[in-house]
Amino acid sequence: MKNPWEEISLTDYENHMSLDSVYQLQTMNEMMKEQLNEYKIKTVIILGVAGGNGLEHIDKDKFETVFGVDVNQKYLDECINRYPELSGVFKAICADLLNDDLQFRTQICLSQIF
C-alpha cells in the first residue's frame, strides 16, 4: 500500500502549510534556522524534508553532510533543483518512516555520521 504522501503534490503541501490559518511552514522554517545555527554540528538528518524544510539555512562551510529524508521522491528532486549550491553536501534519501526496512538504511546513514 502506498503512503498517501507519495500522492500529494509539493505545491498543494506548501500552499496549505503556509496559509495564515495553518502557519506551519513558517514555524518549521524558523525552528530549523534556530536548530541549525545553535549547535556546532557538521552533519544533520532532516526527516520530512519535503521541498527543503530548512535547507536555505545550510551553510556549506559549516556542514559536511545534510541528509534529507522524505517518502516522496518528487519532493527530494525539487530539493535538489531548488538548492543546487548544496551539491556535494545534500544527500536525498527516499524512504517511508513507517517501513520496517528503514532501520537498516538509517544505520547506514548513522555510520556515515560517526
PDB file of N, CA and C in Angstrom:
ATOM      1  N   MET A   1       0.837  -1.185   0.000  1.00  0.00           N
ATOM      2  CA  MET A   1       0.000   0.000   0.000  1.00  0.00           C
ATOM      3  C   MET A   1       0.885   1.253   0.000  1.00  0.00           C
ATOM      4  N   LYS A   2       0.583   2.170  -0.888  1.00  0.00           N
ATOM      5  CA  LYS A   2       1.358   3.402  -0.992  1.00  0.00           C
ATOM      6  C   LYS A   2       1.057   4.341   0.172  1.00  0.00           C
ATOM      7  N   ASN A   3       2.066   5.084   0.550  1.00  0.00           N
ATOM      8  CA  ASN A   3       1.902   6.119   1.559  1.00  0.00           C
ATOM      9  C   ASN A   3       1.163   7.289   0.903  1.00  0.00           C
ATOM     10  N   PRO A   4       0.145   7.860   1.557  1.00  0.00           N
ATOM     11  CA  PRO A   4      -0.609   8.974   0.948  1.00  0.00           C
ATOM     12  C   PRO A   4       0.267  10.166   0.583  1.00  0.00           C
ATOM     13  N   TRP A   5       1.397  10.364   1.286  1.00  0.00           N
ATOM     14  CA  TRP A   5       2.279  11.490   0.983  1.00  0.00           C
ATOM     15  C   TRP A   5       2.946  11.353  -0.383  1.00  0.00           C
ATOM     16  N   GLU A   6       2.944  10.165  -0.938  1.00  0.00           N
ATOM     17  CA  GLU A   6       3.513   9.972  -2.268  1.00  0.00           C
ATOM     18  C   GLU A   6       2.618  10.564  -3.349  1.00  0.00           C
ATOM     19  N   GLU A   7       1.355  10.826  -3.009  1.00  0.00           N
ATOM     20  CA  GLU A   7       0.371  11.318  -3.975  1.00  0.00           C
ATOM     21  C   GLU A   7       0.106  12.818  -3.854  1.00  0.00           C
ATOM     22  N   ILE A   8       0.547  13.462  -2.787  1.00  0.00           N
ATOM     23  CA  ILE A   8       0.266  14.881  -2.559  1.00  0.00           C
ATOM     24  C   ILE A   8       1.336  15.715  -3.249  1.00  0.00           C
ATOM     25  N   SER A   9       0.888  16.628  -4.087  1.00  0.00           N
ATOM     26  CA  SER A   9       1.868  17.460  -4.801  1.00  0.00           C
ATOM     27  C   SER A   9       2.549  18.407  -3.816  1.00  0.00           C
ATOM     28  N   LEU A  10       3.780  18.751  -4.120  1.00  0.00           N
ATOM     29  CA  LEU A  10       4.536  19.661  -3.272  1.00  0.00           C
ATOM     30  C   LEU A  10       3.857  21.030  -3.221  1.00  0.00           C
ATOM     31  N   THR A  11       3.311  21.471  -4.327  1.00  0.00           N
ATOM     32  CA  THR A  11       2.611  22.759  -4.367  1.00  0.00           C
ATOM     33  C   THR A  11       1.422  22.753  -3.404  1.00  0.00           C
ATOM     34  N   ASP A  12       0.617  21.685  -3.439  1.00  0.00           N
ATOM     35  CA  ASP A  12      -0.524  21.584  -2.520  1.00  0.00           C
ATOM     36  C   ASP A  12      -0.059  21.580  -1.074  1.00  0.00           C
ATOM     37  N   TYR A  13       0.982  20.805  -0.779  1.00  0.00           N
ATOM     38  CA  TYR A  13       1.518  20.722   0.587  1.00  0.00           C
ATOM     39  C   TYR A  13       1.993  22.098   1.059  1.00  0.00           C
ATOM     40  N   GLU A  14       2.837  22.759   0.261  1.00  0.00           N
ATOM     41  CA  GLU A  14       3.407  24.030   0.682  1.00  0.00           C
ATOM     42  C   GLU A  14       2.354  25.134   0.763  1.00  0.00           C
ATOM     43  N   ASN A  15       1.414  25.148  -0.174  1.00  0.00           N
ATOM     44  CA  ASN A  15       0.352  26.158  -0.121  1.00  0.00           C
ATOM     45  C   ASN A  15      -0.496  25.998   1.132  1.00  0.00           C
ATOM     46  N   HIS A  16      -0.843  24.773   1.462  1.00  0.00           N
ATOM     47  CA  HIS A  16      -1.648  24.531   2.662  1.00  0.00           C
ATOM     48  C   HIS A  16      -0.872  24.889   3.929  1.00  0.00           C
ATOM     49  N   MET A  17       0.361  24.400   4.027  1.00  0.00           N
ATOM     50  CA  MET A  17       1.153  24.591   5.241  1.00  0.00           C
ATOM     51  C   MET A  17       1.538  26.044   5.474  1.00  0.00           C
ATOM     52  N   SER A  18       1.532  26.869   4.438  1.00  0.00           N
ATOM     53  CA  SER A  18       1.915  28.270   4.600  1.00  0.00           C
ATOM     54  C   SER A  18       0.722  29.210   4.774  1.00  0.00           C
ATOM     55  N   LEU A  19      -0.499  28.673   4.735  1.00  0.00           N
ATOM     56  CA  LEU A  19      -1.681  29.508   4.975  1.00  0.00           C
ATOM     57  C   LEU A  19      -1.570  30.198   6.334  1.00  0.00           C
ATOM     58  N   ASP A  20      -2.068  31.419   6.436  1.00  0.00           N
ATOM     59  CA  ASP A  20      -2.054  32.135   7.711  1.00  0.00           C
ATOM     60  C   ASP A  20      -2.773  31.354   8.805  1.00  0.00           C
ATOM     61  N   SER A  21      -3.783  30.592   8.432  1.00  0.00           N
ATOM     62  CA  SER A  21      -4.552  29.818   9.423  1.00  0.00           C
ATOM     63  C   SER A  21      -3.806  28.559   9.879  1.00  0.00           C
ATOM     64  N   VAL A  22      -2.803  28.149   9.131  1.00  0.00           N
ATOM     65  CA  VAL A  22      -2.009  26.962   9.488  1.00  0.00           C
ATOM     66  C   VAL A  22      -0.650  27.398  10.031  1.00  0.00           C
ATOM     67  N   TYR A  23       0.073  28.177   9.254  1.00  0.00           N
ATOM     68  CA  TYR A  23       1.356  28.803   9.610  1.00  0.00           C
ATOM     69  C   TYR A  23       2.432  27.801  10.024  1.00  0.00           C
ATOM     70  N   GLN A  24       2.323  26.579   9.544  1.00  0.00           N
ATOM     71  CA  GLN A  24       3.290  25.555   9.940  1.00  0.00           C
ATOM     72  C   GLN A  24       4.586  25.653   9.156  1.00  0.00           C
ATOM     73  N   LEU A  25       4.528  25.980   7.890  1.00  0.00           N
ATOM     74  CA  LEU A  25       5.743  26.073   7.081  1.00  0.00           C
ATOM     75  C   LEU A  25       6.665  27.171   7.632  1.00  0.00           C
ATOM     76  N   GLN A  26       6.093  28.296   7.975  1.00  0.00           N
ATOM     77  CA  GLN A  26       6.868  29.396   8.523  1.00  0.00           C
ATOM     78  C   GLN A  26       7.451  29.031   9.894  1.00  0.00           C
ATOM     79  N   THR A  27       6.645  28.363  10.716  1.00  0.00           N
ATOM     80  CA  THR A  27       7.093  27.963  12.052  1.00  0.00           C
ATOM     81  C   THR A  27       8.215  26.948  11.959  1.00  0.00           C
ATOM     82  N   MET A  28       8.052  25.942  11.097  1.00  0.00           N
ATOM     83  CA  MET A  28       9.094  24.930  10.924  1.00  0.00           C
ATOM     84  C   MET A  28      10.375  25.564  10.392  1.00  0.00           C
ATOM     85  N   ASN A  29      10.236  26.526   9.492  1.00  0.00           N
ATOM     86  CA  ASN A  29      11.409  27.179   8.924  1.00  0.00           C
ATOM     87  C   ASN A  29      12.195  27.912  10.007  1.00  0.00           C
ATOM     88  N   GLU A  30      11.506  28.618  10.872  1.00  0.00           N
ATOM     89  CA  GLU A  30      12.179  29.345  11.954  1.00  0.00           C
ATOM     90  C   GLU A  30      12.824  28.373  12.939  1.00  0.00           C
ATOM     91  N   MET A  31      12.152  27.273  13.238  1.00  0.00           N
ATOM     92  CA  MET A  31      12.723  26.261  14.136  1.00  0.00           C
ATOM     93  C   MET A  31      13.984  25.646  13.537  1.00  0.00           C
ATOM     94  N   MET A  32      13.949  25.346  12.246  1.00  0.00           N
ATOM     95  CA  MET A  32      15.117  24.766  11.592  1.00  0.00           C
ATOM     96  C   MET A  32      16.282  25.754  11.601  1.00  0.00           C
ATOM     97  N   LYS A  33      15.999  27.014  11.345  1.00  0.00           N
ATOM     98  CA  LYS A  33      17.044  28.041  11.351  1.00  0.00           C
ATOM     99  C   LYS A  33      17.725  28.087  12.718  1.00  0.00           C
ATOM    100  N   GLU A  34      16.935  28.102  13.773  1.00  0.00           N
ATOM    101  CA  GLU A  34      17.485  28.146  15.131  1.00  0.00           C
ATOM    102  C   GLU A  34      18.315  26.902  15.429  1.00  0.00           C
ATOM    103  N   GLN A  35      17.775  25.734  15.113  1.00  0.00           N
ATOM    104  CA  GLN A  35      18.474  24.486  15.436  1.00  0.00           C
ATOM    105  C   GLN A  35      19.759  24.329  14.631  1.00  0.00           C
ATOM    106  N   LEU A  36      19.727  24.696  13.370  1.00  0.00           N
ATOM    107  CA  LEU A  36      20.918  24.542  12.530  1.00  0.00           C
ATOM    108  C   LEU A  36      22.028  25.510  12.923  1.00  0.00           C
ATOM    109  N   ASN A  37      21.670  26.639  13.507  1.00  0.00           N
ATOM    110  CA  ASN A  37      22.669  27.631  13.902  1.00  0.00           C
ATOM    111  C   ASN A  37      23.062  27.537  15.372  1.00  0.00           C
ATOM    112  N   GLU A  38      22.264  26.860  16.174  1.00  0.00           N
ATOM    113  CA  GLU A  38      22.500  26.782  17.621  1.00  0.00           C
ATOM    114  C   GLU A  38      23.626  25.821  17.982  1.00  0.00           C
ATOM    115  N   TYR A  39      23.735  24.736  17.255  1.00  0.00           N
ATOM    116  CA  TYR A  39      24.651  23.663  17.632  1.00  0.00           C
ATOM    117  C   TYR A  39      25.840  23.577  16.681  1.00  0.00           C
ATOM    118  N   LYS A  40      26.965  23.186  17.226  1.00  0.00           N
ATOM    119  CA  LYS A  40      28.177  23.012  16.421  1.00  0.00           C
ATOM    120  C   LYS A  40      28.192  21.587  15.883  1.00  0.00           C
ATOM    121  N   ILE A  41      27.505  21.409  14.785  1.00  0.00           N
ATOM    122  CA  ILE A  41      27.389  20.101  14.155  1.00  0.00           C
ATOM    123  C   ILE A  41      27.855  20.206  12.705  1.00  0.00           C
ATOM    124  N   LYS A  42      28.285  19.069  12.169  1.00  0.00           N
ATOM    125  CA  LYS A  42      28.739  19.037  10.781  1.00  0.00           C
ATOM    126  C   LYS A  42      27.813  18.217   9.896  1.00  0.00           C
ATOM    127  N   THR A  43      26.961  17.410  10.540  1.00  0.00           N
ATOM    128  CA  THR A  43      26.056  16.534   9.810  1.00  0.00           C
ATOM    129  C   THR A  43      24.679  16.624  10.439  1.00  0.00           C
ATOM    130  N   VAL A  44      23.669  16.615   9.594  1.00  0.00           N
ATOM    131  CA  VAL A  44      22.296  16.677  10.088  1.00  0.00           C
ATOM    132  C   VAL A  44      21.414  15.796   9.205  1.00  0.00           C
ATOM    133  N   ILE A  45      20.379  15.239   9.819  1.00  0.00           N
ATOM    134  CA  ILE A  45      19.357  14.495   9.085  1.00  0.00           C
ATOM    135  C   ILE A  45      18.049  15.243   9.268  1.00  0.00           C
ATOM    136  N   ILE A  46      17.408  15.619   8.161  1.00  0.00           N
ATOM    137  CA  ILE A  46      16.119  16.292   8.216  1.00  0.00           C
ATOM    138  C   ILE A  46      15.064  15.296   7.758  1.00  0.00           C
ATOM    139  N   LEU A  47      14.257  14.841   8.701  1.00  0.00           N
ATOM    140  CA  LEU A  47      13.180  13.901   8.399  1.00  0.00           C
ATOM    141  C   LEU A  47      11.973  14.685   7.901  1.00  0.00           C
ATOM    142  N   GLY A  48      11.427  14.276   6.766  1.00  0.00           N
ATOM    143  CA  GLY A  48      10.314  15.003   6.176  1.00  0.00           C
ATOM    144  C   GLY A  48      10.777  16.326   5.590  1.00  0.00           C
ATOM    145  N   VAL A  49      11.822  16.270   4.797  1.00  0.00           N
ATOM    146  CA  VAL A  49      12.420  17.476   4.244  1.00  0.00           C
ATOM    147  C   VAL A  49      11.507  18.165   3.218  1.00  0.00           C
ATOM    148  N   ALA A  50      10.546  17.435   2.677  1.00  0.00           N
ATOM    149  CA  ALA A  50       9.590  17.969   1.689  1.00  0.00           C
ATOM    150  C   ALA A  50      10.345  18.718   0.589  1.00  0.00           C
ATOM    151  N   GLY A  51      10.019  19.988   0.371  1.00  0.00           N
ATOM    152  CA  GLY A  51      10.670  20.755  -0.689  1.00  0.00           C
ATOM    153  C   GLY A  51      11.877  21.520  -0.214  1.00  0.00           C
ATOM    154  N   GLY A  52      12.335  21.222   1.013  1.00  0.00           N
ATOM    155  CA  GLY A  52      13.547  21.864   1.502  1.00  0.00           C
ATOM    156  C   GLY A  52      13.457  22.390   2.913  1.00  0.00           C
ATOM    157  N   ASN A  53      12.470  21.980   3.664  1.00  0.00           N
ATOM    158  CA  ASN A  53      12.269  22.468   5.037  1.00  0.00           C
ATOM    159  C   ASN A  53      13.587  22.770   5.754  1.00  0.00           C
ATOM    160  N   GLY A  54      14.031  24.014   5.682  1.00  0.00           N
ATOM    161  CA  GLY A  54      15.226  24.441   6.391  1.00  0.00           C
ATOM    162  C   GLY A  54      16.502  24.461   5.576  1.00  0.00           C
ATOM    163  N   LEU A  55      16.488  23.928   4.371  1.00  0.00           N
ATOM    164  CA  LEU A  55      17.732  23.841   3.597  1.00  0.00           C
ATOM    165  C   LEU A  55      18.340  25.200   3.271  1.00  0.00           C
ATOM    166  N   GLU A  56      17.517  26.232   3.212  1.00  0.00           N
ATOM    167  CA  GLU A  56      18.087  27.556   2.909  1.00  0.00           C
ATOM    168  C   GLU A  56      18.973  28.076   4.032  1.00  0.00           C
ATOM    169  N   HIS A  57      18.938  27.431   5.190  1.00  0.00           N
ATOM    170  CA  HIS A  57      19.758  27.835   6.329  1.00  0.00           C
ATOM    171  C   HIS A  57      21.055  27.021   6.443  1.00  0.00           C
ATOM    172  N   ILE A  58      21.315  26.169   5.467  1.00  0.00           N
ATOM    173  CA  ILE A  58      22.528  25.348   5.484  1.00  0.00           C
ATOM    174  C   ILE A  58      23.699  26.149   4.934  1.00  0.00           C
ATOM    175  N   ASP A  59      24.731  26.266   5.735  1.00  0.00           N
ATOM    176  CA  ASP A  59      25.966  26.930   5.347  1.00  0.00           C
ATOM    177  C   ASP A  59      26.954  25.841   4.921  1.00  0.00           C
ATOM    178  N   LYS A  60      27.320  25.837   3.635  1.00  0.00           N
ATOM    179  CA  LYS A  60      28.233  24.807   3.114  1.00  0.00           C
ATOM    180  C   LYS A  60      29.583  24.817   3.816  1.00  0.00           C
ATOM    181  N   ASP A  61      29.956  25.929   4.402  1.00  0.00           N
ATOM    182  CA  ASP A  61      31.220  25.997   5.123  1.00  0.00           C
ATOM    183  C   ASP A  61      31.122  25.366   6.506  1.00  0.00           C
ATOM    184  N   LYS A  62      29.930  25.204   7.017  1.00  0.00           N
ATOM    185  CA  LYS A  62      29.717  24.631   8.344  1.00  0.00           C
ATOM    186  C   LYS A  62      29.365  23.146   8.275  1.00  0.00           C
ATOM    187  N   PHE A  63      28.539  22.770   7.320  1.00  0.00           N
ATOM    188  CA  PHE A  63      28.033  21.397   7.244  1.00  0.00           C
ATOM    189  C   PHE A  63      28.777  20.591   6.191  1.00  0.00           C
ATOM    190  N   GLU A  64      29.145  19.371   6.570  1.00  0.00           N
ATOM    191  CA  GLU A  64      29.773  18.448   5.623  1.00  0.00           C
ATOM    192  C   GLU A  64      28.722  17.640   4.882  1.00  0.00           C
ATOM    193  N   THR A  65      27.675  17.203   5.617  1.00  0.00           N
ATOM    194  CA  THR A  65      26.639  16.376   5.014  1.00  0.00           C
ATOM    195  C   THR A  65      25.285  16.733   5.608  1.00  0.00           C
ATOM    196  N   VAL A  66      24.299  16.850   4.727  1.00  0.00           N
ATOM    197  CA  VAL A  66      22.913  17.056   5.138  1.00  0.00           C
ATOM    198  C   VAL A  66      22.089  15.980   4.455  1.00  0.00           C
ATOM    199  N   PHE A  67      21.539  15.080   5.272  1.00  0.00           N
ATOM    200  CA  PHE A  67      20.659  14.036   4.756  1.00  0.00           C
ATOM    201  C   PHE A  67      19.227  14.564   4.798  1.00  0.00           C
ATOM    202  N   GLY A  68      18.569  14.549   3.674  1.00  0.00           N
ATOM    203  CA  GLY A  68      17.157  14.920   3.604  1.00  0.00           C
ATOM    204  C   GLY A  68      16.358  13.673   3.320  1.00  0.00           C
ATOM    205  N   VAL A  69      15.469  13.317   4.239  1.00  0.00           N
ATOM    206  CA  VAL A  69      14.673  12.097   4.108  1.00  0.00           C
ATOM    207  C   VAL A  69      13.224  12.477   3.844  1.00  0.00           C
ATOM    208  N   ASP A  70      12.641  11.856   2.836  1.00  0.00           N
ATOM    209  CA  ASP A  70      11.217  12.038   2.574  1.00  0.00           C
ATOM    210  C   ASP A  70      10.693  10.818   1.823  1.00  0.00           C
ATOM    211  N   VAL A  71       9.405  10.585   1.955  1.00  0.00           N
ATOM    212  CA  VAL A  71       8.775   9.446   1.301  1.00  0.00           C
ATOM    213  C   VAL A  71       8.478   9.739  -0.179  1.00  0.00           C
ATOM    214  N   ASN A  72       8.448  11.016  -0.528  1.00  0.00           N
ATOM    215  CA  ASN A  72       8.070  11.418  -1.873  1.00  0.00           C
ATOM    216  C   ASN A  72       9.321  11.803  -2.681  1.00  0.00           C
ATOM    217  N   GLN A  73       9.654  11.006  -3.665  1.00  0.00           N
ATOM    218  CA  GLN A  73      10.845  11.255  -4.485  1.00  0.00           C
ATOM    219  C   GLN A  73      10.756  12.583  -5.226  1.00  0.00           C
ATOM    220  N   LYS A  74       9.551  12.989  -5.618  1.00  0.00           N
ATOM    221  CA  LYS A  74       9.392  14.267  -6.317  1.00  0.00           C
ATOM    222  C   LYS A  74       9.774  15.431  -5.406  1.00  0.00           C
ATOM    223  N   TYR A  75       9.475  15.314  -4.110  1.00  0.00           N
ATOM    224  CA  TYR A  75       9.868  16.357  -3.155  1.00  0.00           C
ATOM    225  C   TYR A  75      11.395  16.445  -3.108  1.00  0.00           C
ATOM    226  N   LEU A  76      12.044  15.305  -3.042  1.00  0.00           N
ATOM    227  CA  LEU A  76      13.504  15.272  -2.973  1.00  0.00           C
ATOM    228  C   LEU A  76      14.135  15.836  -4.243  1.00  0.00           C
ATOM    229  N   ASP A  77      13.549  15.492  -5.391  1.00  0.00           N
ATOM    230  CA  ASP A  77      14.040  16.029  -6.657  1.00  0.00           C
ATOM    231  C   ASP A  77      13.940  17.558  -6.664  1.00  0.00           C
ATOM    232  N   GLU A  78      12.866  18.074  -6.093  1.00  0.00           N
ATOM    233  CA  GLU A  78      12.692  19.528  -6.030  1.00  0.00           C
ATOM    234  C   GLU A  78      13.720  20.165  -5.102  1.00  0.00           C
ATOM    235  N   CYS A  79      14.059  19.485  -4.018  1.00  0.00           N
ATOM    236  CA  CYS A  79      15.122  19.994  -3.133  1.00  0.00           C
ATOM    237  C   CYS A  79      16.421  20.168  -3.913  1.00  0.00           C
ATOM    238  N   ILE A  80      16.755  19.177  -4.697  1.00  0.00           N
ATOM    239  CA  ILE A  80      17.986  19.218  -5.495  1.00  0.00           C
ATOM    240  C   ILE A  80      17.927  20.375  -6.495  1.00  0.00           C
ATOM    241  N   ASN A  81      16.744  20.583  -7.112  1.00  0.00           N
ATOM    242  CA  ASN A  81      16.577  21.678  -8.071  1.00  0.00           C
ATOM    243  C   ASN A  81      16.627  23.043  -7.392  1.00  0.00           C
ATOM    244  N   ARG A  82      16.023  23.158  -6.217  1.00  0.00           N
ATOM    245  CA  ARG A  82      15.946  24.443  -5.519  1.00  0.00           C
ATOM    246  C   ARG A  82      17.273  24.861  -4.882  1.00  0.00           C
ATOM    247  N   TYR A  83      18.076  23.893  -4.508  1.00  0.00           N
ATOM    248  CA  TYR A  83      19.301  24.186  -3.758  1.00  0.00           C
ATOM    249  C   TYR A  83      20.535  23.595  -4.442  1.00  0.00           C
ATOM    250  N   PRO A  84      20.812  24.008  -5.676  1.00  0.00           N
ATOM    251  CA  PRO A  84      21.975  23.456  -6.382  1.00  0.00           C
ATOM    252  C   PRO A  84      23.289  23.789  -5.675  1.00  0.00           C
ATOM    253  N   GLU A  85      23.299  24.849  -4.877  1.00  0.00           N
ATOM    254  CA  GLU A  85      24.506  25.228  -4.148  1.00  0.00           C
ATOM    255  C   GLU A  85      24.875  24.206  -3.077  1.00  0.00           C
ATOM    256  N   LEU A  86      23.946  23.302  -2.748  1.00  0.00           N
ATOM    257  CA  LEU A  86      24.222  22.264  -1.757  1.00  0.00           C
ATOM    258  C   LEU A  86      24.706  20.962  -2.391  1.00  0.00           C
ATOM    259  N   SER A  87      25.015  21.012  -3.678  1.00  0.00           N
ATOM    260  CA  SER A  87      25.548  19.828  -4.356  1.00  0.00           C
ATOM    261  C   SER A  87      26.807  19.360  -3.645  1.00  0.00           C
ATOM    262  N   GLY A  88      26.877  18.072  -3.381  1.00  0.00           N
ATOM    263  CA  GLY A  88      28.013  17.504  -2.672  1.00  0.00           C
ATOM    264  C   GLY A  88      27.810  17.471  -1.166  1.00  0.00           C
ATOM    265  N   VAL A  89      26.863  18.264  -0.662  1.00  0.00           N
ATOM    266  CA  VAL A  89      26.551  18.300   0.768  1.00  0.00           C
ATOM    267  C   VAL A  89      25.214  17.614   1.031  1.00  0.00           C
ATOM    268  N   PHE A  90      24.217  17.929   0.205  1.00  0.00           N
ATOM    269  CA  PHE A  90      22.871  17.389   0.395  1.00  0.00           C
ATOM    270  C   PHE A  90      22.763  15.989  -0.190  1.00  0.00           C
ATOM    271  N   LYS A  91      22.303  15.060   0.635  1.00  0.00           N
ATOM    272  CA  LYS A  91      22.085  13.676   0.216  1.00  0.00           C
ATOM    273  C   LYS A  91      20.609  13.351   0.397  1.00  0.00           C
ATOM    274  N   ALA A  92      19.905  13.142  -0.702  1.00  0.00           N
ATOM    275  CA  ALA A  92      18.474  12.846  -0.669  1.00  0.00           C
ATOM    276  C   ALA A  92      18.262  11.349  -0.450  1.00  0.00           C
ATOM    277  N   ILE A  93      17.405  11.028   0.501  1.00  0.00           N
ATOM    278  CA  ILE A  93      17.081   9.634   0.801  1.00  0.00           C
ATOM    279  C   ILE A  93      15.571   9.473   0.733  1.00  0.00           C
ATOM    280  N   CYS A  94      15.113   8.698  -0.226  1.00  0.00           N
ATOM    281  CA  CYS A  94      13.688   8.417  -0.353  1.00  0.00           C
ATOM    282  C   CYS A  94      13.371   7.199   0.503  1.00  0.00           C
ATOM    283  N   ALA A  95      12.610   7.421   1.565  1.00  0.00           N
ATOM    284  CA  ALA A  95      12.289   6.341   2.494  1.00  0.00           C
ATOM    285  C   ALA A  95      10.986   6.651   3.213  1.00  0.00           C
ATOM    286  N   ASP A  96      10.233   5.606   3.481  1.00  0.00           N
ATOM    287  CA  ASP A  96       8.996   5.708   4.257  1.00  0.00           C
ATOM    288  C   ASP A  96       9.326   5.392   5.705  1.00  0.00           C
ATOM    289  N   LEU A  97       9.131   6.347   6.592  1.00  0.00           N
ATOM    290  CA  LEU A  97       9.456   6.159   8.002  1.00  0.00           C
ATOM    291  C   LEU A  97       8.626   5.054   8.651  1.00  0.00           C
ATOM    292  N   LEU A  98       7.549   4.647   7.999  1.00  0.00           N
ATOM    293  CA  LEU A  98       6.718   3.564   8.524  1.00  0.00           C
ATOM    294  C   LEU A  98       7.167   2.191   8.046  1.00  0.00           C
ATOM    295  N   ASN A  99       8.142   2.159   7.158  1.00  0.00           N
ATOM    296  CA  ASN A  99       8.613   0.914   6.572  1.00  0.00           C
ATOM    297  C   ASN A  99       9.654   0.267   7.489  1.00  0.00           C
ATOM    298  N   ASP A 100       9.479  -0.996   7.786  1.00  0.00           N
ATOM    299  CA  ASP A 100      10.377  -1.700   8.695  1.00  0.00           C
ATOM    300  C   ASP A 100      11.825  -1.741   8.211  1.00  0.00           C
ATOM    301  N   ASP A 101      12.060  -1.776   6.909  1.00  0.00           N
ATOM    302  CA  ASP A 101      13.436  -1.871   6.425  1.00  0.00           C
ATOM    303  C   ASP A 101      14.183  -0.545   6.512  1.00  0.00           C
ATOM    304  N   LEU A 102      13.505   0.525   6.920  1.00  0.00           N
ATOM    305  CA  LEU A 102      14.170   1.810   7.090  1.00  0.00           C
ATOM    306  C   LEU A 102      15.250   1.732   8.157  1.00  0.00           C
ATOM    307  N   GLN A 103      15.070   0.887   9.139  1.00  0.00           N
ATOM    308  CA  GLN A 103      16.045   0.751  10.219  1.00  0.00           C
ATOM    309  C   GLN A 103      17.430   0.447   9.651  1.00  0.00           C
ATOM    310  N   PHE A 104      17.519  -0.405   8.656  1.00  0.00           N
ATOM    311  CA  PHE A 104      18.799  -0.734   8.031  1.00  0.00           C
ATOM    312  C   PHE A 104      19.383   0.488   7.333  1.00  0.00           C
ATOM    313  N   ARG A 105      18.565   1.206   6.572  1.00  0.00           N
ATOM    314  CA  ARG A 105      19.048   2.385   5.865  1.00  0.00           C
ATOM    315  C   ARG A 105      19.476   3.470   6.845  1.00  0.00           C
ATOM    316  N   THR A 106      18.779   3.605   7.955  1.00  0.00           N
ATOM    317  CA  THR A 106      19.139   4.603   8.965  1.00  0.00           C
ATOM    318  C   THR A 106      20.499   4.272   9.557  1.00  0.00           C
ATOM    319  N   GLN A 107      20.783   2.994   9.780  1.00  0.00           N
ATOM    320  CA  GLN A 107      22.076   2.602  10.324  1.00  0.00           C
ATOM    321  C   GLN A 107      23.197   2.967   9.364  1.00  0.00           C
ATOM    322  N   ILE A 108      22.949   2.847   8.081  1.00  0.00           N
ATOM    323  CA  ILE A 108      23.953   3.236   7.090  1.00  0.00           C
ATOM    324  C   ILE A 108      24.230   4.729   7.228  1.00  0.00           C
ATOM    325  N   CYS A 109      23.192   5.528   7.320  1.00  0.00           N
ATOM    326  CA  CYS A 109      23.370   6.970   7.459  1.00  0.00           C
ATOM    327  C   CYS A 109      24.125   7.305   8.739  1.00  0.00           C
ATOM    328  N   LEU A 110      23.774   6.672   9.825  1.00  0.00           N
ATOM    329  CA  LEU A 110      24.420   6.943  11.098  1.00  0.00           C
ATOM    330  C   LEU A 110      25.884   6.542  11.062  1.00  0.00           C
ATOM    331  N   SER A 111      26.206   5.469  10.364  1.00  0.00           N
ATOM    332  CA  SER A 111      27.606   5.064  10.283  1.00  0.00           C
ATOM    333  C   SER A 111      28.406   6.091   9.495  1.00  0.00           C
ATOM    334  N   GLN A 112      27.773   6.787   8.559  1.00  0.00           N
ATOM    335  CA  GLN A 112      28.461   7.825   7.797  1.00  0.00           C
ATOM    336  C   GLN A 112      28.675   9.074   8.665  1.00  0.00           C
ATOM    337  N   ILE A 113      27.805   9.271   9.637  1.00  0.00           N
ATOM    338  CA  ILE A 113      27.904  10.447  10.512  1.00  0.00           C
ATOM    339  C   ILE A 113      29.037  10.271  11.506  1.00  0.00           C
ATOM    340  N   PHE A 114      29.118   9.092  12.106  1.00  0.00           N
ATOM    341  CA  PHE A 114      30.109   8.849  13.165  1.00  0.00           C
ATOM    342  C   PHE A 114      31.303   8.217  12.553  1.00  0.00           C
TER     343      PHE A 114
END
